[in-house]
Amino acid sequence: AKPGAVLASNTSSLKLGDIAANFKDPSRLVGIHFFNPVPQMMLVEVVHAERTNPEHVKNALAFVRQIDKLPLPVKDSPGFLVNRVLGPYMQNAFRLMDEGMKPETIDAAMEAFGMPMGPIELADTVGLDICLHAGKQLAKKDADGAEPEAPAVLLNKVALGHLGRKSGQGIYRWEKGKPVKGQPGTATPDTMHALLQPYLEETQAVLAEGIVPDAELIDAGLIFGTGFAPFRGGPLHYLSEQKKK
């Protein structure tokens, strides 16, 4: 790249600071993180690290607007906003499967809450191998510094090559681009709460850490980036409404 050119990365979970560690001029690196499927997904995370030139961030935000997408400025941190919140939510869904909950029940509970798609169908759509890799990247170490073991169902499926929609078999069998599902169990409010808890906790942590310092921007980002039930106003709005009850 010519001197002074802006370098942009589409990384979803690697820190910009780590990528730029060996750059002569780390101020030139900015994150412009698109989501799949790109034509349908409006949100684009524009990531700035500690040493990113603010002028480059401004230009990146303008570029995203120019291509008719919705730019969300985020601070450099593992998973940024969307994947940081989605990761624990999806891993938690797999752990509930490990404990015996049917995938159909998990998905039905979140669809009843207002999500366009449940976390297990979403994982199959993204690819279970990608979910496994992202889960490892974003896993929080315990007090002894050890990383938690990945959910057994996820490890087993990936080992078998059952990667989801792209291989025709994941947690569900896929036919003509659609998952073949059995009957779900009853989606109780307790099930919804158990599934949503990590999602809501991570959203609060993003605000507290100033990754995105504005609650309304976080809510908008998670509605557009994860499909959080729009009529609920976003996760932080939803939490504030729950506290009033």
C-alpha atoms as a PDB file:
ATOM      1  CA  ALA A   1       0.000   0.000   0.000  1.00  0.00           C
ATOM      2  CA  LYS A   2       1.237   3.489  -0.764  1.00  0.00           C
ATOM      3  CA  PRO A   3       2.361   5.574   2.232  1.00  0.00           C
ATOM      4  CA  GLY A   4      -0.611   7.207   3.914  1.00  0.00           C
ATOM      5  CA  ALA A   5      -3.197   4.794   2.431  1.00  0.00           C
ATOM      6  CA  VAL A   6      -5.875   3.645   4.857  1.00  0.00           C
ATOM      7  CA  LEU A   7      -5.671  -0.086   5.620  1.00  0.00           C
ATOM      8  CA  ALA A   8      -9.023  -1.673   6.489  1.00  0.00           C
ATOM      9  CA  SER A   9      -9.703  -5.101   7.970  1.00  0.00           C
ATOM     10  CA  ASN A  10     -12.973  -7.068   7.926  1.00  0.00           C
ATOM     11  CA  THR A  11     -11.917  -9.133  10.956  1.00  0.00           C
ATOM     12  CA  SER A  12     -14.793 -10.239  13.180  1.00  0.00           C
ATOM     13  CA  SER A  13     -12.946 -11.285  16.326  1.00  0.00           C
ATOM     14  CA  LEU A  14      -9.209 -10.478  16.081  1.00  0.00           C
ATOM     15  CA  LYS A  15      -8.133  -7.274  17.794  1.00  0.00           C
ATOM     16  CA  LEU A  16      -6.918  -4.484  15.493  1.00  0.00           C
ATOM     17  CA  GLY A  17      -4.130  -3.750  17.983  1.00  0.00           C
ATOM     18  CA  ASP A  18      -2.750  -7.285  17.478  1.00  0.00           C
ATOM     19  CA  ILE A  19      -2.968  -7.026  13.672  1.00  0.00           C
ATOM     20  CA  ALA A  20      -1.208  -3.637  13.675  1.00  0.00           C
ATOM     21  CA  ALA A  21       1.434  -4.628  16.252  1.00  0.00           C
ATOM     22  CA  ASN A  22       4.152  -4.961  13.574  1.00  0.00           C
ATOM     23  CA  PHE A  23       3.029  -2.090  11.363  1.00  0.00           C
ATOM     24  CA  LYS A  24       5.406   0.824  10.868  1.00  0.00           C
ATOM     25  CA  ASP A  25       2.395   3.101  11.185  1.00  0.00           C
ATOM     26  CA  PRO A  26      -0.477   1.493  13.207  1.00  0.00           C
ATOM     27  CA  SER A  27      -2.495   4.727  12.905  1.00  0.00           C
ATOM     28  CA  ARG A  28      -3.454   3.724   9.339  1.00  0.00           C
ATOM     29  CA  LEU A  29      -5.429   0.600  10.333  1.00  0.00           C
ATOM     30  CA  VAL A  30      -9.196   0.773  10.779  1.00  0.00           C
ATOM     31  CA  GLY A  31     -11.778  -2.007  11.004  1.00  0.00           C
ATOM     32  CA  ILE A  32     -14.699  -2.065   8.560  1.00  0.00           C
ATOM     33  CA  HIS A  33     -16.566  -5.186   9.620  1.00  0.00           C
ATOM     34  CA  PHE A  34     -19.378  -6.360   7.332  1.00  0.00           C
ATOM     35  CA  PHE A  35     -21.823  -9.116   8.287  1.00  0.00           C
ATOM     36  CA  ASN A  36     -23.080 -12.044   6.238  1.00  0.00           C
ATOM     37  CA  PRO A  37     -25.144 -12.034   4.104  1.00  0.00           C
ATOM     38  CA  VAL A  38     -23.697  -8.650   3.128  1.00  0.00           C
ATOM     39  CA  PRO A  39     -26.515  -7.613   0.725  1.00  0.00           C
ATOM     40  CA  GLN A  40     -29.137  -8.067   3.463  1.00  0.00           C
ATOM     41  CA  MET A  41     -27.213  -6.888   6.527  1.00  0.00           C
ATOM     42  CA  MET A  42     -27.343  -3.105   6.937  1.00  0.00           C
ATOM     43  CA  LEU A  43     -24.972  -2.820   9.899  1.00  0.00           C
ATOM     44  CA  VAL A  44     -21.211  -2.316   9.491  1.00  0.00           C
ATOM     45  CA  GLU A  45     -18.970  -1.982  12.548  1.00  0.00           C
ATOM     46  CA  VAL A  46     -16.283   0.677  12.098  1.00  0.00           C
ATOM     47  CA  VAL A  47     -13.530  -0.201  14.551  1.00  0.00           C
ATOM     48  CA  HIS A  48     -10.899   2.134  15.959  1.00  0.00           C
ATOM     49  CA  ALA A  49      -7.915   0.992  18.012  1.00  0.00           C
ATOM     50  CA  GLU A  50      -6.022   3.183  20.495  1.00  0.00           C
ATOM     51  CA  ARG A  51      -3.587   4.336  17.809  1.00  0.00           C
ATOM     52  CA  THR A  52      -5.997   4.650  14.859  1.00  0.00           C
ATOM     53  CA  ASN A  53      -5.964   8.105  13.280  1.00  0.00           C
ATOM     54  CA  PRO A  54      -9.417   9.690  13.996  1.00  0.00           C
ATOM     55  CA  GLU A  55      -9.406  11.147  10.469  1.00  0.00           C
ATOM     56  CA  HIS A  56      -9.291   7.593   9.040  1.00  0.00           C
ATOM     57  CA  VAL A  57     -12.223   6.592  11.270  1.00  0.00           C
ATOM     58  CA  LYS A  58     -14.202   9.586   9.985  1.00  0.00           C
ATOM     59  CA  ASN A  59     -13.442   8.573   6.379  1.00  0.00           C
ATOM     60  CA  ALA A  60     -14.421   4.950   7.078  1.00  0.00           C
ATOM     61  CA  LEU A  61     -17.762   6.042   8.571  1.00  0.00           C
ATOM     62  CA  ALA A  62     -18.381   8.241   5.494  1.00  0.00           C
ATOM     63  CA  PHE A  63     -17.487   5.337   3.165  1.00  0.00           C
ATOM     64  CA  VAL A  64     -19.998   3.037   4.885  1.00  0.00           C
ATOM     65  CA  ARG A  65     -22.742   5.674   4.587  1.00  0.00           C
ATOM     66  CA  GLN A  66     -21.830   6.183   0.924  1.00  0.00           C
ATOM     67  CA  ILE A  67     -22.572   2.503   0.155  1.00  0.00           C
ATOM     68  CA  ASP A  68     -25.978   2.826   1.901  1.00  0.00           C
ATOM     69  CA  LYS A  69     -25.046   0.878   5.014  1.00  0.00           C
ATOM     70  CA  LEU A  70     -25.417   1.814   8.673  1.00  0.00           C
ATOM     71  CA  PRO A  71     -22.019   2.506  10.311  1.00  0.00           C
ATOM     72  CA  LEU A  72     -21.560   1.786  14.018  1.00  0.00           C
ATOM     73  CA  PRO A  73     -18.347   3.159  15.596  1.00  0.00           C
ATOM     74  CA  VAL A  74     -16.877   0.652  18.079  1.00  0.00           C
ATOM     75  CA  LYS A  75     -13.716   0.504  20.175  1.00  0.00           C
ATOM     76  CA  ASP A  76     -11.189  -2.255  19.502  1.00  0.00           C
ATOM     77  CA  SER A  77     -12.079  -5.171  21.761  1.00  0.00           C
ATOM     78  CA  PRO A  78     -12.526  -8.934  21.112  1.00  0.00           C
ATOM     79  CA  GLY A  79     -15.768  -9.467  19.178  1.00  0.00           C
ATOM     80  CA  PHE A  80     -16.466  -5.679  19.079  1.00  0.00           C
ATOM     81  CA  LEU A  81     -20.232  -5.344  19.718  1.00  0.00           C
ATOM     82  CA  VAL A  82     -22.198  -7.883  17.683  1.00  0.00           C
ATOM     83  CA  ASN A  83     -20.006 -10.992  17.959  1.00  0.00           C
ATOM     84  CA  ARG A  84     -19.129 -10.255  21.557  1.00  0.00           C
ATOM     85  CA  VAL A  85     -22.844 -10.404  22.449  1.00  0.00           C
ATOM     86  CA  LEU A  86     -23.810 -13.206  20.021  1.00  0.00           C
ATOM     87  CA  GLY A  87     -20.910 -15.501  20.999  1.00  0.00           C
ATOM     88  CA  PRO A  88     -21.897 -16.205  24.632  1.00  0.00           C
ATOM     89  CA  TYR A  89     -25.599 -16.332  23.652  1.00  0.00           C
ATOM     90  CA  MET A  90     -24.967 -19.069  21.070  1.00  0.00           C
ATOM     91  CA  GLN A  91     -22.485 -20.998  23.248  1.00  0.00           C
ATOM     92  CA  ASN A  92     -25.058 -20.915  26.061  1.00  0.00           C
ATOM     93  CA  ALA A  93     -27.686 -22.389  23.714  1.00  0.00           C
ATOM     94  CA  PHE A  94     -25.314 -25.288  22.933  1.00  0.00           C
ATOM     95  CA  ARG A  95     -24.651 -25.818  26.654  1.00  0.00           C
ATOM     96  CA  LEU A  96     -28.398 -26.063  27.261  1.00  0.00           C
ATOM     97  CA  MET A  97     -28.463 -28.701  24.499  1.00  0.00           C
ATOM     98  CA  ASP A  98     -25.665 -30.553  26.343  1.00  0.00           C
ATOM     99  CA  GLU A  99     -27.969 -30.530  29.372  1.00  0.00           C
ATOM    100  CA  GLY A 100     -30.762 -32.168  27.366  1.00  0.00           C
ATOM    101  CA  MET A 101     -32.819 -29.287  25.954  1.00  0.00           C
ATOM    102  CA  LYS A 102     -34.059 -29.921  22.407  1.00  0.00           C
ATOM    103  CA  PRO A 103     -32.735 -27.536  19.718  1.00  0.00           C
ATOM    104  CA  GLU A 104     -36.318 -27.048  18.501  1.00  0.00           C
ATOM    105  CA  THR A 105     -37.362 -25.863  21.979  1.00  0.00           C
ATOM    106  CA  ILE A 106     -34.436 -23.421  22.158  1.00  0.00           C
ATOM    107  CA  ASP A 107     -35.223 -21.939  18.748  1.00  0.00           C
ATOM    108  CA  ALA A 108     -38.982 -21.793  19.416  1.00  0.00           C
ATOM    109  CA  ALA A 109     -38.378 -19.938  22.702  1.00  0.00           C
ATOM    110  CA  MET A 110     -36.297 -17.227  21.027  1.00  0.00           C
ATOM    111  CA  GLU A 111     -38.668 -16.936  18.069  1.00  0.00           C
ATOM    112  CA  ALA A 112     -41.542 -16.515  20.552  1.00  0.00           C
ATOM    113  CA  PHE A 113     -39.498 -13.741  22.196  1.00  0.00           C
ATOM    114  CA  GLY A 114     -39.319 -12.005  18.806  1.00  0.00           C
ATOM    115  CA  MET A 115     -35.983 -13.044  17.260  1.00  0.00           C
ATOM    116  CA  PRO A 116     -36.187 -13.718  13.489  1.00  0.00           C
ATOM    117  CA  MET A 117     -34.358 -17.022  14.030  1.00  0.00           C
ATOM    118  CA  GLY A 118     -33.338 -19.075  17.063  1.00  0.00           C
ATOM    119  CA  PRO A 119     -29.654 -19.441  18.053  1.00  0.00           C
ATOM    120  CA  ILE A 120     -29.315 -23.083  16.937  1.00  0.00           C
ATOM    121  CA  GLU A 121     -30.704 -22.454  13.452  1.00  0.00           C
ATOM    122  CA  LEU A 122     -28.497 -19.337  13.312  1.00  0.00           C
ATOM    123  CA  ALA A 123     -25.436 -21.427  14.254  1.00  0.00           C
ATOM    124  CA  ASP A 124     -26.256 -23.969  11.538  1.00  0.00           C
ATOM    125  CA  THR A 125     -26.636 -21.092   9.051  1.00  0.00           C
ATOM    126  CA  VAL A 126     -23.318 -19.476  10.033  1.00  0.00           C
ATOM    127  CA  GLY A 127     -21.477 -22.831  10.159  1.00  0.00           C
ATOM    128  CA  LEU A 128     -20.732 -24.870  13.288  1.00  0.00           C
ATOM    129  CA  ASP A 129     -16.987 -24.808  12.541  1.00  0.00           C
ATOM    130  CA  ILE A 130     -17.079 -20.992  12.554  1.00  0.00           C
ATOM    131  CA  CYS A 131     -19.099 -21.018  15.808  1.00  0.00           C
ATOM    132  CA  LEU A 132     -16.512 -23.310  17.398  1.00  0.00           C
ATOM    133  CA  HIS A 133     -13.588 -21.112  16.280  1.00  0.00           C
ATOM    134  CA  ALA A 134     -15.302 -17.851  17.323  1.00  0.00           C
ATOM    135  CA  GLY A 135     -16.273 -19.383  20.674  1.00  0.00           C
ATOM    136  CA  LYS A 136     -12.620 -20.194  21.379  1.00  0.00           C
ATOM    137  CA  GLN A 137     -11.520 -16.697  20.340  1.00  0.00           C
ATOM    138  CA  LEU A 138     -14.045 -15.013  22.632  1.00  0.00           C
ATOM    139  CA  ALA A 139     -14.027 -17.466  25.568  1.00  0.00           C
ATOM    140  CA  LYS A 140     -13.357 -15.877  28.939  1.00  0.00           C
ATOM    141  CA  LYS A 141     -10.772 -17.652  31.067  1.00  0.00           C
ATOM    142  CA  ASP A 142     -11.692 -18.798  34.573  1.00  0.00           C
ATOM    143  CA  ALA A 143      -9.965 -17.731  37.815  1.00  0.00           C
ATOM    144  CA  ASP A 144      -7.144 -20.252  37.174  1.00  0.00           C
ATOM    145  CA  GLY A 145      -6.541 -18.904  33.656  1.00  0.00           C
ATOM    146  CA  ALA A 146      -8.043 -21.968  31.942  1.00  0.00           C
ATOM    147  CA  GLU A 147     -10.363 -21.641  28.958  1.00  0.00           C
ATOM    148  CA  PRO A 148     -13.761 -23.345  29.323  1.00  0.00           C
ATOM    149  CA  GLU A 149     -14.290 -26.521  27.311  1.00  0.00           C
ATOM    150  CA  ALA A 150     -16.394 -25.947  24.184  1.00  0.00           C
ATOM    151  CA  PRO A 151     -19.922 -27.442  24.331  1.00  0.00           C
ATOM    152  CA  ALA A 152     -19.794 -31.206  23.659  1.00  0.00           C
ATOM    153  CA  VAL A 153     -22.530 -31.126  20.998  1.00  0.00           C
ATOM    154  CA  LEU A 154     -20.567 -28.518  19.015  1.00  0.00           C
ATOM    155  CA  LEU A 155     -17.256 -30.409  19.267  1.00  0.00           C
ATOM    156  CA  ASN A 156     -18.911 -33.694  18.246  1.00  0.00           C
ATOM    157  CA  LYS A 157     -20.743 -32.230  15.250  1.00  0.00           C
ATOM    158  CA  VAL A 158     -17.645 -30.471  13.900  1.00  0.00           C
ATOM    159  CA  ALA A 159     -15.567 -33.667  14.365  1.00  0.00           C
ATOM    160  CA  LEU A 160     -18.148 -35.533  12.254  1.00  0.00           C
ATOM    161  CA  GLY A 161     -18.050 -32.854   9.534  1.00  0.00           C
ATOM    162  CA  HIS A 162     -21.662 -31.899  10.272  1.00  0.00           C
ATOM    163  CA  LEU A 163     -21.126 -28.163   9.806  1.00  0.00           C
ATOM    164  CA  GLY A 164     -24.688 -26.963   9.229  1.00  0.00           C
ATOM    165  CA  ARG A 165     -26.480 -25.663   6.192  1.00  0.00           C
ATOM    166  CA  LYS A 166     -23.363 -25.691   3.989  1.00  0.00           C
ATOM    167  CA  SER A 167     -22.825 -29.450   4.495  1.00  0.00           C
ATOM    168  CA  GLY A 168     -26.534 -30.406   4.530  1.00  0.00           C
ATOM    169  CA  GLN A 169     -26.327 -31.611   8.111  1.00  0.00           C
ATOM    170  CA  GLY A 170     -25.576 -29.756  11.337  1.00  0.00           C
ATOM    171  CA  ILE A 171     -27.683 -29.747  14.449  1.00  0.00           C
ATOM    172  CA  TYR A 172     -30.561 -30.010  11.961  1.00  0.00           C
ATOM    173  CA  ARG A 173     -30.733 -31.788   8.609  1.00  0.00           C
ATOM    174  CA  TRP A 174     -31.058 -29.232   5.808  1.00  0.00           C
ATOM    175  CA  GLU A 175     -33.196 -29.760   2.721  1.00  0.00           C
ATOM    176  CA  LYS A 176     -33.551 -27.166  -0.072  1.00  0.00           C
ATOM    177  CA  GLY A 177     -31.947 -24.521   2.163  1.00  0.00           C
ATOM    178  CA  LYS A 178     -34.348 -25.103   5.080  1.00  0.00           C
ATOM    179  CA  PRO A 179     -33.823 -26.944   8.378  1.00  0.00           C
ATOM    180  CA  VAL A 180     -35.915 -30.053   9.054  1.00  0.00           C
ATOM    181  CA  LYS A 181     -37.171 -29.652  12.634  1.00  0.00           C
ATOM    182  CA  GLY A 182     -39.053 -31.908  15.016  1.00  0.00           C
ATOM    183  CA  GLN A 183     -41.720 -30.766  17.474  1.00  0.00           C
ATOM    184  CA  PRO A 184     -40.458 -28.246  20.052  1.00  0.00           C
ATOM    185  CA  GLY A 185     -41.140 -28.561  23.758  1.00  0.00           C
ATOM    186  CA  THR A 186     -42.976 -25.778  25.586  1.00  0.00           C
ATOM    187  CA  ALA A 187     -41.109 -22.452  25.432  1.00  0.00           C
ATOM    188  CA  THR A 188     -41.617 -21.123  28.972  1.00  0.00           C
ATOM    189  CA  PRO A 189     -40.581 -17.647  30.249  1.00  0.00           C
ATOM    190  CA  ASP A 190     -37.878 -19.464  32.288  1.00  0.00           C
ATOM    191  CA  THR A 191     -36.465 -20.957  29.064  1.00  0.00           C
ATOM    192  CA  MET A 192     -36.394 -17.509  27.452  1.00  0.00           C
ATOM    193  CA  HIS A 193     -34.668 -16.047  30.517  1.00  0.00           C
ATOM    194  CA  ALA A 194     -32.038 -18.832  30.607  1.00  0.00           C
ATOM    195  CA  LEU A 195     -31.274 -18.325  26.911  1.00  0.00           C
ATOM    196  CA  LEU A 196     -31.165 -14.524  26.989  1.00  0.00           C
ATOM    197  CA  GLN A 197     -29.158 -14.045  30.193  1.00  0.00           C
ATOM    198  CA  PRO A 198     -25.623 -14.121  28.626  1.00  0.00           C
ATOM    199  CA  TYR A 199     -26.794 -11.886  25.744  1.00  0.00           C
ATOM    200  CA  LEU A 200     -28.134  -9.251  28.155  1.00  0.00           C
ATOM    201  CA  GLU A 201     -25.123  -9.436  30.502  1.00  0.00           C
ATOM    202  CA  GLU A 202     -22.667  -8.984  27.627  1.00  0.00           C
ATOM    203  CA  THR A 203     -24.669  -6.014  26.283  1.00  0.00           C
ATOM    204  CA  GLN A 204     -24.467  -4.317  29.690  1.00  0.00           C
ATOM    205  CA  ALA A 205     -20.707  -4.998  29.831  1.00  0.00           C
ATOM    206  CA  VAL A 206     -20.202  -3.388  26.380  1.00  0.00           C
ATOM    207  CA  LEU A 207     -21.890  -0.221  27.661  1.00  0.00           C
ATOM    208  CA  ALA A 208     -19.992  -0.255  30.983  1.00  0.00           C
ATOM    209  CA  GLU A 209     -16.635  -0.675  29.180  1.00  0.00           C
ATOM    210  CA  GLY A 210     -17.408   2.098  26.698  1.00  0.00           C
ATOM    211  CA  ILE A 211     -16.924  -0.161  23.636  1.00  0.00           C
ATOM    212  CA  VAL A 212     -19.972   1.717  22.340  1.00  0.00           C
ATOM    213  CA  PRO A 213     -20.630   4.474  24.874  1.00  0.00           C
ATOM    214  CA  ASP A 214     -24.226   5.227  23.836  1.00  0.00           C
ATOM    215  CA  ALA A 215     -27.082   2.921  24.957  1.00  0.00           C
ATOM    216  CA  GLU A 216     -29.324   3.863  22.007  1.00  0.00           C
ATOM    217  CA  LEU A 217     -26.540   3.088  19.516  1.00  0.00           C
ATOM    218  CA  ILE A 218     -25.971  -0.297  21.188  1.00  0.00           C
ATOM    219  CA  ASP A 219     -29.684  -1.082  20.950  1.00  0.00           C
ATOM    220  CA  ALA A 220     -29.802  -0.046  17.283  1.00  0.00           C
ATOM    221  CA  GLY A 221     -26.628  -2.018  16.522  1.00  0.00           C
ATOM    222  CA  LEU A 222     -28.000  -5.189  18.098  1.00  0.00           C
ATOM    223  CA  ILE A 223     -31.398  -4.858  16.408  1.00  0.00           C
ATOM    224  CA  PHE A 224     -29.712  -4.480  12.985  1.00  0.00           C
ATOM    225  CA  GLY A 225     -26.746  -6.784  13.684  1.00  0.00           C
ATOM    226  CA  THR A 226     -28.353  -9.675  15.586  1.00  0.00           C
ATOM    227  CA  GLY A 227     -32.076  -9.295  14.901  1.00  0.00           C
ATOM    228  CA  PHE A 228     -32.907  -8.557  18.543  1.00  0.00           C
ATOM    229  CA  ALA A 229     -36.726  -8.306  18.626  1.00  0.00           C
ATOM    230  CA  PRO A 230     -37.202  -4.763  17.213  1.00  0.00           C
ATOM    231  CA  PHE A 231     -40.559  -4.171  18.938  1.00  0.00           C
ATOM    232  CA  ARG A 232     -38.756  -4.559  22.292  1.00  0.00           C
ATOM    233  CA  GLY A 233     -36.585  -1.527  21.487  1.00  0.00           C
ATOM    234  CA  GLY A 234     -33.232  -3.274  21.864  1.00  0.00           C
ATOM    235  CA  PRO A 235     -31.737  -5.201  24.813  1.00  0.00           C
ATOM    236  CA  LEU A 236     -30.869  -2.213  27.028  1.00  0.00           C
ATOM    237  CA  HIS A 237     -34.327  -0.704  26.513  1.00  0.00           C
ATOM    238  CA  TYR A 238     -35.845  -4.124  27.244  1.00  0.00           C
ATOM    239  CA  LEU A 239     -33.839  -4.385  30.504  1.00  0.00           C
ATOM    240  CA  SER A 240     -34.897  -0.925  31.617  1.00  0.00           C
ATOM    241  CA  GLU A 241     -38.556  -1.809  30.940  1.00  0.00           C
ATOM    242  CA  GLN A 242     -38.189  -5.045  32.931  1.00  0.00           C
ATOM    243  CA  LYS A 243     -36.850  -3.107  35.934  1.00  0.00           C
ATOM    244  CA  LYS A 244     -39.988  -0.930  35.931  1.00  0.00           C
ATOM    245  CA  LYS A 245     -42.235  -3.995  36.326  1.00  0.00           C
END
